[in-house]
Amino acid sequence: MGEGDKPSDAAVAHAVLSDLPASLWPATLRAVRRVLGERSRTELPPVVRPFARWKPDRLAGDRPRAALAQALAEDAGLRVALVEVLGDEAERHDVDGLAEQLGEDRAAAHLIGAGRWEELATLAARVGEREAAAQDSAAEAAVAQQRQQQRAELERLREEVAALRRERSELREEVAGLRQRAQVAESEREALRGERDAVLAERDELRSQLREGHARHRDREQRLRRRAEQAEALAAVDADRVAAAATELETLAAALRAAVGSASSEAAAPERGEGPVDALAEPGSKAPPEARTASAAAAGPPRGPRAARPGRPCALPQGVRRDSAEGVRALLQVEGLTLLLDGYNVTKHPRGRPAVALQAQRDWLVQQAAALASRFPVRPVLVFDGTEPHPGPRPASRSVRVVFTEGDELADERIVALVDGLADDEPGCVVTGDREVAEACRARHVDVVSSSAFLAALA
């Protein structure tokens, strides 16, 4: 109950507002909606809190309107806020002047804000009487219209009865004609029965011929099926032979590549006067990025598992587990693979660079991605959260793309968006330790490997 309100005043106000015609509420509801929207939930009267975000058309319902009536009757502060929204027109006019100048519903809103309940009751009574009179007139008009419709319906029924009588006479004449035609039809039917017997005999003969034709067709179909099965068996044997030969050729090719790569590395090492340098350096290596990148470019074909077959997801060689170092190396050999790295998820892994500054983490991962791009036919894309200040990406190679998120966007969301941007037949692999990101990407049929498996493959 607001300051200055007496229990009797609140009761009178509540009674007047409860009986207020619906036609006088629209302006009040719009103004109250503005007041409710400008206040926090805790500042509102408890009775109207459930309806604080309702639109004016929903507030016109019986339940919210009853709650607003109670709040306006008991809370003077709410009425003061209502006056601030509407203005102080109520102070300069009486009820008739307000209704003439602003309209009845806006006048009612001003009277509610000013707490002029007697004048509001007068206005409500006037509007109620007018609406009741209009309802009575409408009811009388409806009754008169109903009577007129009934008379028109009676006249129409009379016309229908007369039409039905005429139609009955016509039908009687038509029945007589039909009886005559029926006698003629009976004679024709006897003649047709003779023709039907002849047709039935011919049909039986044709059915016999058809059954014989079906039997010959089934025999021929069975012979053709047996030949097809024999051909399929021979084709399966040939396919097994081809697959075995292809597997043997792949094994020989892998052994040859490994031998050539080993020979090239041994021949090149004495000339440089150095030991072999791995482009995919162990985390913590002291070799400069330029040396690691150059060494990776000269390393030659990779050793280890054969390349995975491109697809969505890619098909790994038999016996190779996807979330393992061998699985990562097999995926890196897929031509045109888009490699999406969850940046800080990789750098903050214990195998990464968790203890250095963010810029140093980014630089390290860019260098590792550049080494991968120089050794494998992949397109690395590094995604970092952009919430920290950063001078921008400093890739070690043009083949590495670095992406920073903007605004409230997370790296997780950007990675999923980049996966959605891949073509249906374009292979992709996401490196992340985040379970939700991994599940979302697997649902989009791309390969997903953990940060741990990826970093193990760099060793």
Protein backbone atom coordinates (compact mmCIF):
# COMPACT_ATOMS: atom_id res chain seq x y z
CA MET A 1 0.00 0.00 0.00
CA GLY A 2 1.49 3.35 -1.02
CA GLU A 3 2.00 6.34 1.25
CA GLY A 4 -1.11 8.41 1.91
CA ASP A 5 -3.55 5.64 0.92
CA LYS A 6 -6.11 4.68 3.46
CA PRO A 7 -7.63 1.19 3.49
CA SER A 8 -11.00 2.62 2.54
CA ASP A 9 -9.46 4.56 -0.39
CA ALA A 10 -7.72 1.44 -1.65
CA ALA A 11 -10.94 -0.53 -1.39
CA VAL A 12 -12.86 2.11 -3.35
CA ALA A 13 -10.10 2.29 -5.96
CA HIS A 14 -10.01 -1.49 -6.30
CA ALA A 15 -13.78 -1.66 -6.69
CA VAL A 16 -13.79 1.06 -9.38
CA LEU A 17 -10.90 -0.52 -11.29
CA SER A 18 -12.42 -4.01 -11.05
CA ASP A 19 -15.65 -2.76 -12.67
CA LEU A 20 -13.85 -0.59 -15.25
CA PRO A 21 -15.10 -1.52 -18.77
CA ALA A 22 -12.57 -3.20 -21.02
CA SER A 23 -12.80 -0.36 -23.53
CA LEU A 24 -11.29 2.08 -20.97
CA TRP A 25 -8.16 -0.06 -20.31
CA PRO A 26 -6.01 0.15 -23.51
CA ALA A 27 -4.25 3.47 -22.79
CA THR A 28 -3.66 2.46 -19.16
CA LEU A 29 -2.20 -0.92 -20.20
CA ARG A 30 0.21 0.71 -22.63
CA ALA A 31 1.39 3.21 -20.02
CA VAL A 32 1.69 0.55 -17.29
CA ARG A 33 3.70 -1.66 -19.69
CA ARG A 34 6.19 1.18 -20.10
CA VAL A 35 6.43 1.63 -16.33
CA LEU A 36 6.95 -2.12 -15.77
CA GLY A 37 9.62 -2.24 -18.44
CA GLU A 38 11.58 0.63 -16.82
CA ARG A 39 11.72 -1.04 -13.38
CA SER A 40 13.57 -4.09 -12.15
CA ARG A 41 11.54 -7.08 -11.04
CA THR A 42 12.25 -6.42 -7.35
CA GLU A 43 10.90 -2.85 -7.63
CA LEU A 44 7.50 -4.04 -8.87
CA PRO A 45 4.53 -4.91 -6.66
CA PRO A 46 4.54 -8.69 -6.12
CA VAL A 47 1.09 -9.09 -7.65
CA VAL A 48 2.25 -7.81 -11.09
CA ARG A 49 5.69 -9.42 -11.23
CA PRO A 50 4.47 -12.46 -13.22
CA PHE A 51 3.22 -10.07 -15.93
CA ALA A 52 6.14 -7.61 -15.98
CA ARG A 53 7.24 -8.50 -19.54
CA TRP A 54 3.82 -9.12 -21.06
CA LYS A 55 2.75 -7.03 -24.03
CA PRO A 56 -0.31 -4.75 -23.71
CA ASP A 57 -2.56 -7.08 -25.72
CA ARG A 58 -1.77 -9.94 -23.29
CA LEU A 59 -2.22 -7.65 -20.26
CA ALA A 60 -5.82 -7.10 -21.42
CA GLY A 61 -6.70 -10.62 -20.20
CA ASP A 62 -8.85 -11.03 -17.10
CA ARG A 63 -6.10 -12.37 -14.80
CA PRO A 64 -3.35 -9.79 -15.55
CA ARG A 65 -5.92 -6.97 -15.63
CA ALA A 66 -7.20 -7.95 -12.17
CA ALA A 67 -3.61 -7.97 -10.86
CA LEU A 68 -2.98 -4.49 -12.35
CA ALA A 69 -6.22 -3.20 -10.82
CA GLN A 70 -5.07 -4.34 -7.38
CA ALA A 71 -1.58 -2.86 -7.84
CA LEU A 72 -2.88 0.49 -9.11
CA ALA A 73 -5.36 0.69 -6.24
CA GLU A 74 -2.81 -0.08 -3.53
CA ASP A 75 0.48 1.34 -4.83
CA ALA A 76 0.58 5.14 -5.04
CA GLY A 77 4.16 4.95 -6.37
CA LEU A 78 2.95 2.99 -9.39
CA ARG A 79 0.33 5.66 -10.06
CA VAL A 80 2.96 8.41 -9.78
CA ALA A 81 5.08 6.61 -12.36
CA LEU A 82 1.95 6.34 -14.52
CA VAL A 83 1.51 10.13 -14.37
CA GLU A 84 5.16 10.60 -15.37
CA VAL A 85 4.52 8.52 -18.49
CA LEU A 86 1.15 10.13 -19.35
CA GLY A 87 1.75 13.75 -18.33
CA ASP A 88 -0.23 16.01 -15.99
CA GLU A 89 -3.27 16.65 -18.22
CA ALA A 90 -5.56 15.43 -15.42
CA GLU A 91 -4.68 18.45 -13.26
CA ARG A 92 -5.97 20.93 -15.86
CA HIS A 93 -9.27 19.32 -16.87
CA ASP A 94 -12.30 17.69 -15.37
CA VAL A 95 -13.53 14.30 -16.52
CA ASP A 96 -15.62 15.70 -19.38
CA GLY A 97 -12.78 17.89 -20.60
CA LEU A 98 -10.34 15.00 -20.49
CA ALA A 99 -12.71 12.71 -22.37
CA GLU A 100 -13.38 15.34 -25.04
CA GLN A 101 -9.72 16.26 -25.50
CA LEU A 102 -7.96 12.89 -25.12
CA GLY A 103 -10.61 10.25 -25.66
CA GLU A 104 -12.26 8.13 -22.99
CA ASP A 105 -9.58 5.44 -22.58
CA ARG A 106 -6.74 7.99 -22.25
CA ALA A 107 -8.90 10.07 -19.90
CA ALA A 108 -9.39 6.96 -17.77
CA ALA A 109 -5.62 6.44 -17.65
CA HIS A 110 -5.05 10.04 -16.45
CA LEU A 111 -7.77 9.70 -13.80
CA ILE A 112 -6.19 6.45 -12.53
CA GLY A 113 -2.78 8.09 -12.29
CA ALA A 114 -4.28 11.07 -10.41
CA GLY A 115 -6.28 8.78 -8.11
CA ARG A 116 -9.58 10.53 -8.99
CA TRP A 117 -11.69 7.44 -8.34
CA GLU A 118 -15.11 9.14 -8.16
CA GLU A 119 -14.65 10.79 -11.55
CA LEU A 120 -13.31 7.51 -12.93
CA ALA A 121 -16.42 5.75 -11.59
CA THR A 122 -18.59 8.39 -13.28
CA LEU A 123 -16.79 7.89 -16.58
CA ALA A 124 -17.02 4.09 -16.20
CA ALA A 125 -20.74 4.27 -15.48
CA ARG A 126 -21.30 6.50 -18.52
CA VAL A 127 -19.35 4.17 -20.80
CA GLY A 128 -21.02 1.10 -19.25
CA GLU A 129 -24.48 2.51 -19.85
CA ARG A 130 -23.59 3.40 -23.41
CA GLU A 131 -22.14 -0.05 -24.08
CA ALA A 132 -25.15 -1.71 -22.45
CA ALA A 133 -27.47 0.36 -24.62
CA ALA A 134 -25.43 -0.57 -27.67
CA GLN A 135 -25.60 -4.24 -26.68
CA ASP A 136 -29.38 -4.00 -26.25
CA SER A 137 -29.72 -2.35 -29.64
CA ALA A 138 -27.51 -4.98 -31.19
CA ALA A 139 -29.56 -7.74 -29.53
CA GLU A 140 -32.81 -6.24 -30.83
CA ALA A 141 -31.32 -5.91 -34.29
CA ALA A 142 -30.16 -9.51 -34.12
CA VAL A 143 -33.65 -10.68 -33.10
CA ALA A 144 -35.22 -8.70 -35.95
CA GLN A 145 -32.68 -10.07 -38.39
CA GLN A 146 -33.33 -13.60 -37.13
CA ARG A 147 -37.09 -13.17 -37.64
CA GLN A 148 -36.53 -11.87 -41.13
CA GLN A 149 -34.28 -14.81 -41.88
CA GLN A 150 -36.91 -17.21 -40.56
CA ARG A 151 -39.59 -15.66 -42.82
CA ALA A 152 -37.24 -15.87 -45.78
CA GLU A 153 -36.49 -19.50 -44.89
CA LEU A 154 -40.21 -20.32 -44.71
CA GLU A 155 -40.81 -18.76 -48.10
CA ARG A 156 -37.91 -20.70 -49.54
CA LEU A 157 -39.28 -23.97 -48.12
CA ARG A 158 -42.65 -23.30 -49.71
CA GLU A 159 -41.00 -22.75 -53.06
CA GLU A 160 -39.01 -25.97 -52.62
CA VAL A 161 -42.19 -27.96 -51.85
CA ALA A 162 -43.84 -26.63 -55.02
CA ALA A 163 -40.72 -27.50 -57.02
CA LEU A 164 -40.64 -31.00 -55.51
CA ARG A 165 -44.26 -31.57 -56.51
CA ARG A 166 -43.51 -30.59 -60.07
CA GLU A 167 -40.44 -32.83 -60.03
CA ARG A 168 -42.59 -35.74 -58.76
CA SER A 169 -44.94 -35.43 -61.71
CA GLU A 170 -42.01 -35.36 -64.11
CA LEU A 171 -40.47 -38.42 -62.43
CA ARG A 172 -43.72 -40.38 -62.78
CA GLU A 173 -43.75 -39.71 -66.50
CA GLU A 174 -40.07 -40.69 -66.70
CA VAL A 175 -40.75 -43.97 -64.82
CA ALA A 176 -43.39 -44.91 -67.37
CA GLY A 177 -40.92 -44.31 -70.18
CA LEU A 178 -38.27 -46.32 -68.35
CA ARG A 179 -40.58 -49.30 -68.05
CA GLN A 180 -41.05 -49.33 -71.78
CA ARG A 181 -37.32 -49.08 -72.37
CA ALA A 182 -36.76 -51.87 -69.81
CA GLN A 183 -38.80 -54.25 -71.89
CA VAL A 184 -36.67 -53.43 -74.92
CA ALA A 185 -33.50 -53.81 -72.81
CA GLU A 186 -34.59 -57.26 -71.63
CA SER A 187 -34.76 -58.41 -75.22
CA GLU A 188 -31.31 -56.98 -75.90
CA ARG A 189 -29.94 -58.62 -72.74
CA GLU A 190 -30.96 -62.09 -73.97
CA ALA A 191 -29.04 -61.44 -77.16
CA LEU A 192 -26.02 -60.25 -75.20
CA ARG A 193 -26.03 -63.37 -73.05
CA GLY A 194 -25.38 -65.43 -76.13
CA GLU A 195 -22.48 -63.16 -77.09
CA ARG A 196 -21.12 -63.33 -73.51
CA ASP A 197 -21.00 -67.13 -73.60
CA ALA A 198 -18.93 -66.97 -76.78
CA VAL A 199 -16.54 -64.40 -75.24
CA LEU A 200 -16.12 -66.51 -72.09
CA ALA A 201 -15.13 -69.50 -74.14
CA GLU A 202 -12.56 -67.40 -76.00
CA ARG A 203 -11.26 -66.00 -72.68
CA ASP A 204 -10.70 -69.49 -71.28
CA GLU A 205 -8.68 -70.40 -74.32
CA LEU A 206 -6.55 -67.25 -74.00
CA ARG A 207 -5.91 -67.91 -70.29
CA SER A 208 -4.64 -71.36 -71.11
CA GLN A 209 -2.25 -69.90 -73.67
CA LEU A 210 -1.13 -67.25 -71.12
CA ARG A 211 -0.34 -69.86 -68.46
CA GLU A 212 1.81 -71.74 -70.94
CA GLY A 213 3.64 -68.49 -71.81
CA HIS A 214 4.26 -67.73 -68.11
CA ALA A 215 5.70 -71.19 -67.58
CA ARG A 216 8.13 -70.71 -70.48
CA HIS A 217 9.08 -67.25 -69.12
CA ARG A 218 9.82 -68.61 -65.62
CA ASP A 219 12.06 -71.29 -67.06
CA ARG A 220 14.01 -68.72 -69.06
CA GLU A 221 14.25 -66.37 -66.04
CA GLN A 222 15.67 -69.15 -63.87
CA ARG A 223 18.29 -69.97 -66.48
CA LEU A 224 19.31 -66.30 -66.74
CA ARG A 225 19.48 -65.97 -62.93
CA ARG A 226 21.78 -68.98 -62.66
CA ARG A 227 24.06 -67.45 -65.31
CA ALA A 228 24.08 -64.10 -63.43
CA GLU A 229 25.00 -65.79 -60.15
CA GLN A 230 27.85 -67.61 -61.83
CA ALA A 231 29.08 -64.31 -63.35
CA GLU A 232 28.88 -62.57 -59.94
CA ALA A 233 30.89 -65.37 -58.32
CA LEU A 234 33.59 -65.02 -60.97
CA ALA A 235 33.59 -61.22 -60.54
CA ALA A 236 33.97 -61.57 -56.74
CA VAL A 237 36.99 -63.85 -57.23
CA ASP A 238 38.50 -61.32 -59.64
CA ALA A 239 37.83 -58.46 -57.18
CA ASP A 240 39.57 -60.35 -54.36
CA ARG A 241 42.56 -60.93 -56.61
CA VAL A 242 42.68 -57.24 -57.58
CA ALA A 243 42.39 -56.14 -53.92
CA ALA A 244 45.18 -58.52 -52.88
CA ALA A 245 47.37 -57.23 -55.70
CA ALA A 246 46.62 -53.60 -54.77
CA THR A 247 47.47 -54.26 -51.12
CA GLU A 248 50.74 -55.88 -52.10
CA LEU A 249 51.58 -52.96 -54.40
CA GLU A 250 50.81 -50.45 -51.64
CA THR A 251 53.06 -52.36 -49.22
CA LEU A 252 55.88 -52.43 -51.77
CA ALA A 253 55.39 -48.70 -52.52
CA ALA A 254 55.49 -47.81 -48.81
CA ALA A 255 58.67 -49.83 -48.34
CA LEU A 256 60.20 -48.15 -51.39
CA ARG A 257 59.28 -44.66 -50.13
CA ALA A 258 60.74 -45.46 -46.72
CA ALA A 259 63.96 -46.76 -48.30
CA VAL A 260 64.29 -43.72 -50.60
CA GLY A 261 63.61 -41.32 -47.71
CA SER A 262 66.14 -43.04 -45.46
CA ALA A 263 68.78 -43.01 -48.19
CA SER A 264 68.14 -39.33 -48.93
CA SER A 265 68.44 -38.39 -45.25
CA GLU A 266 71.67 -40.35 -44.76
CA ALA A 267 73.18 -38.85 -47.92
CA ALA A 268 72.22 -35.28 -46.97
CA ALA A 269 73.42 -35.41 -43.33
CA PRO A 270 77.21 -35.57 -44.01
CA GLU A 271 77.00 -32.72 -46.49
CA ARG A 272 75.41 -30.43 -43.88
CA GLY A 273 77.67 -31.64 -41.13
CA GLU A 274 74.67 -32.00 -38.84
CA GLY A 275 72.52 -34.75 -37.40
CA PRO A 276 68.96 -35.32 -38.70
CA VAL A 277 66.57 -32.53 -37.74
CA ASP A 278 62.88 -33.37 -37.34
CA ALA A 279 60.53 -30.69 -38.73
CA LEU A 280 57.97 -31.78 -36.18
CA ALA A 281 60.17 -30.92 -33.18
CA GLU A 282 59.56 -32.20 -29.68
CA PRO A 283 58.00 -29.41 -27.51
CA GLY A 284 60.81 -27.58 -25.74
CA SER A 285 63.32 -27.99 -28.61
CA LYS A 286 65.94 -25.21 -28.77
CA ALA A 287 66.30 -25.28 -32.57
CA PRO A 288 65.07 -22.05 -34.24
CA PRO A 289 61.74 -22.19 -36.19
CA GLU A 290 63.51 -21.53 -39.50
CA ALA A 291 65.76 -24.57 -39.01
CA ARG A 292 62.85 -26.81 -38.04
CA THR A 293 60.79 -25.67 -41.08
CA ALA A 294 63.71 -26.18 -43.53
CA SER A 295 64.44 -29.61 -42.07
CA ALA A 296 60.81 -30.62 -42.40
CA ALA A 297 60.77 -29.63 -46.07
CA ALA A 298 63.80 -31.88 -46.73
CA ALA A 299 62.55 -34.83 -44.67
CA GLY A 300 60.88 -36.53 -47.65
CA PRO A 301 57.90 -38.92 -47.54
CA PRO A 302 56.68 -39.74 -44.02
CA ARG A 303 57.34 -43.05 -42.39
CA GLY A 304 54.72 -44.99 -40.46
CA PRO A 305 51.15 -45.88 -41.44
CA ARG A 306 49.86 -45.51 -44.96
CA ALA A 307 47.74 -42.48 -45.86
CA ALA A 308 44.07 -42.54 -44.98
CA ARG A 309 41.56 -42.57 -47.83
CA PRO A 310 39.82 -39.20 -48.30
CA GLY A 311 36.19 -39.03 -47.22
CA ARG A 312 33.80 -37.62 -44.63
CA PRO A 313 35.24 -38.98 -42.37
CA CYS A 314 38.44 -40.38 -43.86
CA ALA A 315 39.03 -44.16 -43.85
CA LEU A 316 42.12 -45.11 -41.84
CA PRO A 317 44.37 -48.08 -42.71
CA GLN A 318 43.39 -51.32 -41.04
CA GLY A 319 44.51 -51.59 -37.40
CA VAL A 320 45.21 -47.84 -36.99
CA ARG A 321 43.24 -46.11 -34.22
CA ARG A 322 41.94 -42.65 -35.11
CA ASP A 323 42.79 -40.86 -31.83
CA SER A 324 46.46 -41.89 -31.80
CA ALA A 325 49.77 -40.57 -33.14
CA GLU A 326 49.63 -43.14 -35.98
CA GLY A 327 46.07 -42.10 -36.80
CA VAL A 328 47.05 -38.42 -36.94
CA ARG A 329 50.00 -39.19 -39.27
CA ALA A 330 47.73 -41.23 -41.55
CA LEU A 331 45.22 -38.34 -41.70
CA LEU A 332 47.97 -35.76 -42.40
CA GLN A 333 48.79 -37.61 -45.63
CA VAL A 334 45.28 -37.03 -47.08
CA GLU A 335 45.51 -34.68 -50.06
CA GLY A 336 43.68 -31.39 -49.53
CA LEU A 337 42.82 -32.06 -45.84
CA THR A 338 41.68 -28.94 -43.95
CA LEU A 339 43.33 -29.15 -40.49
CA LEU A 340 41.40 -27.04 -37.93
CA LEU A 341 43.33 -26.51 -34.66
CA ASP A 342 41.62 -25.32 -31.45
CA GLY A 343 44.50 -22.91 -30.74
CA TYR A 344 44.74 -22.42 -26.99
CA ASN A 345 43.38 -25.92 -26.33
CA VAL A 346 46.52 -27.25 -28.07
CA THR A 347 49.08 -24.74 -26.71
CA LYS A 348 47.88 -25.06 -23.09
CA HIS A 349 48.18 -28.88 -23.16
CA PRO A 350 51.10 -30.18 -21.05
CA ARG A 351 52.84 -31.23 -24.29
CA GLY A 352 52.35 -27.72 -25.72
CA ARG A 353 53.57 -24.37 -24.34
CA PRO A 354 51.28 -23.74 -21.31
CA ALA A 355 53.84 -21.77 -19.26
CA VAL A 356 54.75 -19.04 -21.79
CA ALA A 357 52.86 -15.86 -22.74
CA LEU A 358 49.89 -16.08 -25.09
CA GLN A 359 51.78 -14.45 -27.97
CA ALA A 360 54.61 -16.97 -27.58
CA GLN A 361 52.04 -19.80 -27.51
CA ARG A 362 50.51 -18.54 -30.76
CA ASP A 363 53.92 -18.11 -32.43
CA TRP A 364 54.94 -21.65 -31.44
CA LEU A 365 51.74 -23.20 -32.84
CA VAL A 366 52.04 -21.19 -36.08
CA GLN A 367 55.59 -22.54 -36.52
CA GLN A 368 54.43 -26.12 -35.93
CA ALA A 369 51.59 -25.68 -38.44
CA ALA A 370 54.00 -24.22 -41.02
CA ALA A 371 56.24 -27.28 -40.60
CA LEU A 372 53.21 -29.53 -41.16
CA ALA A 373 52.18 -27.60 -44.27
CA SER A 374 55.68 -27.94 -45.72
CA ARG A 375 55.73 -31.71 -45.15
CA PHE A 376 52.14 -32.84 -45.69
CA PRO A 377 49.45 -31.88 -48.28
CA VAL A 378 47.24 -30.19 -45.65
CA ARG A 379 45.82 -26.68 -45.11
CA PRO A 380 46.27 -25.71 -41.42
CA VAL A 381 43.76 -23.25 -39.92
CA LEU A 382 44.50 -22.01 -36.36
CA VAL A 383 41.54 -20.62 -34.38
CA PHE A 384 42.18 -18.48 -31.25
CA ASP A 385 39.78 -16.68 -28.93
CA GLY A 386 40.07 -12.95 -29.64
CA THR A 387 39.26 -11.73 -26.13
CA GLU A 388 42.94 -11.00 -25.33
CA PRO A 389 44.72 -8.03 -26.98
CA HIS A 390 46.92 -9.28 -29.76
CA PRO A 391 49.02 -7.64 -32.49
CA GLY A 392 47.61 -9.95 -35.13
CA PRO A 393 48.76 -13.26 -36.59
CA ARG A 394 52.42 -13.72 -37.51
CA PRO A 395 52.38 -16.91 -39.61
CA ALA A 396 55.66 -18.51 -40.56
CA SER A 397 54.22 -19.54 -43.92
CA ARG A 398 51.55 -18.32 -46.27
CA SER A 399 50.07 -21.80 -46.16
CA VAL A 400 48.98 -21.26 -42.51
CA ARG A 401 45.74 -19.39 -41.83
CA VAL A 402 45.26 -17.79 -38.38
CA VAL A 403 41.74 -16.83 -37.28
CA PHE A 404 40.76 -14.73 -34.22
CA THR A 405 37.18 -14.60 -32.95
CA GLU A 406 35.35 -11.30 -32.60
CA GLY A 407 32.99 -9.93 -29.96
CA ASP A 408 31.33 -12.60 -27.79
CA GLU A 409 32.10 -15.38 -30.26
CA LEU A 410 34.12 -18.32 -28.92
CA ALA A 411 36.77 -20.31 -30.76
CA ASP A 412 34.51 -23.37 -30.31
CA GLU A 413 31.70 -21.66 -32.26
CA ARG A 414 34.07 -20.47 -35.01
CA ILE A 415 35.49 -24.00 -35.46
CA VAL A 416 31.99 -25.47 -35.91
CA ALA A 417 31.17 -22.66 -38.37
CA LEU A 418 34.32 -23.40 -40.39
CA VAL A 419 33.37 -27.08 -40.50
CA ASP A 420 29.93 -26.11 -41.81
CA GLY A 421 31.68 -24.09 -44.53
CA LEU A 422 33.50 -27.13 -45.93
CA ALA A 423 32.18 -28.71 -49.11
CA ASP A 424 30.26 -31.97 -48.71
CA ASP A 425 33.14 -34.01 -50.18
CA GLU A 426 36.00 -31.94 -48.68
CA PRO A 427 37.99 -33.88 -46.01
CA GLY A 428 38.56 -32.14 -42.69
CA CYS A 429 40.16 -32.88 -39.32
CA VAL A 430 39.55 -30.96 -36.07
CA VAL A 431 42.18 -31.01 -33.28
CA THR A 432 40.62 -30.26 -29.87
CA GLY A 433 40.35 -31.60 -26.35
CA ASP A 434 36.91 -30.03 -25.82
CA ARG A 435 34.24 -32.74 -25.64
CA GLU A 436 31.35 -30.54 -26.85
CA VAL A 437 33.33 -29.26 -29.86
CA ALA A 438 34.39 -32.82 -30.69
CA GLU A 439 30.80 -34.13 -30.55
CA ALA A 440 29.48 -31.25 -32.69
CA CYS A 441 32.18 -31.83 -35.34
CA ARG A 442 31.74 -35.62 -35.39
CA ALA A 443 28.04 -35.05 -36.02
CA ARG A 444 29.14 -33.16 -39.16
CA HIS A 445 31.13 -36.19 -40.37
CA VAL A 446 34.66 -34.80 -40.12
CA ASP A 447 37.59 -36.47 -38.38
CA VAL A 448 38.29 -35.38 -34.78
CA VAL A 449 41.52 -36.10 -32.88
CA SER A 450 42.52 -35.01 -29.39
CA SER A 451 45.18 -32.40 -28.69
CA SER A 452 47.16 -35.10 -26.90
CA ALA A 453 47.22 -37.40 -29.97
CA PHE A 454 48.13 -34.47 -32.27
CA LEU A 455 51.03 -33.35 -30.07
CA ALA A 456 52.22 -36.96 -29.78
CA ALA A 457 52.34 -37.11 -33.59
CA LEU A 458 54.66 -34.07 -33.60
CA ALA A 459 57.23 -35.98 -31.54
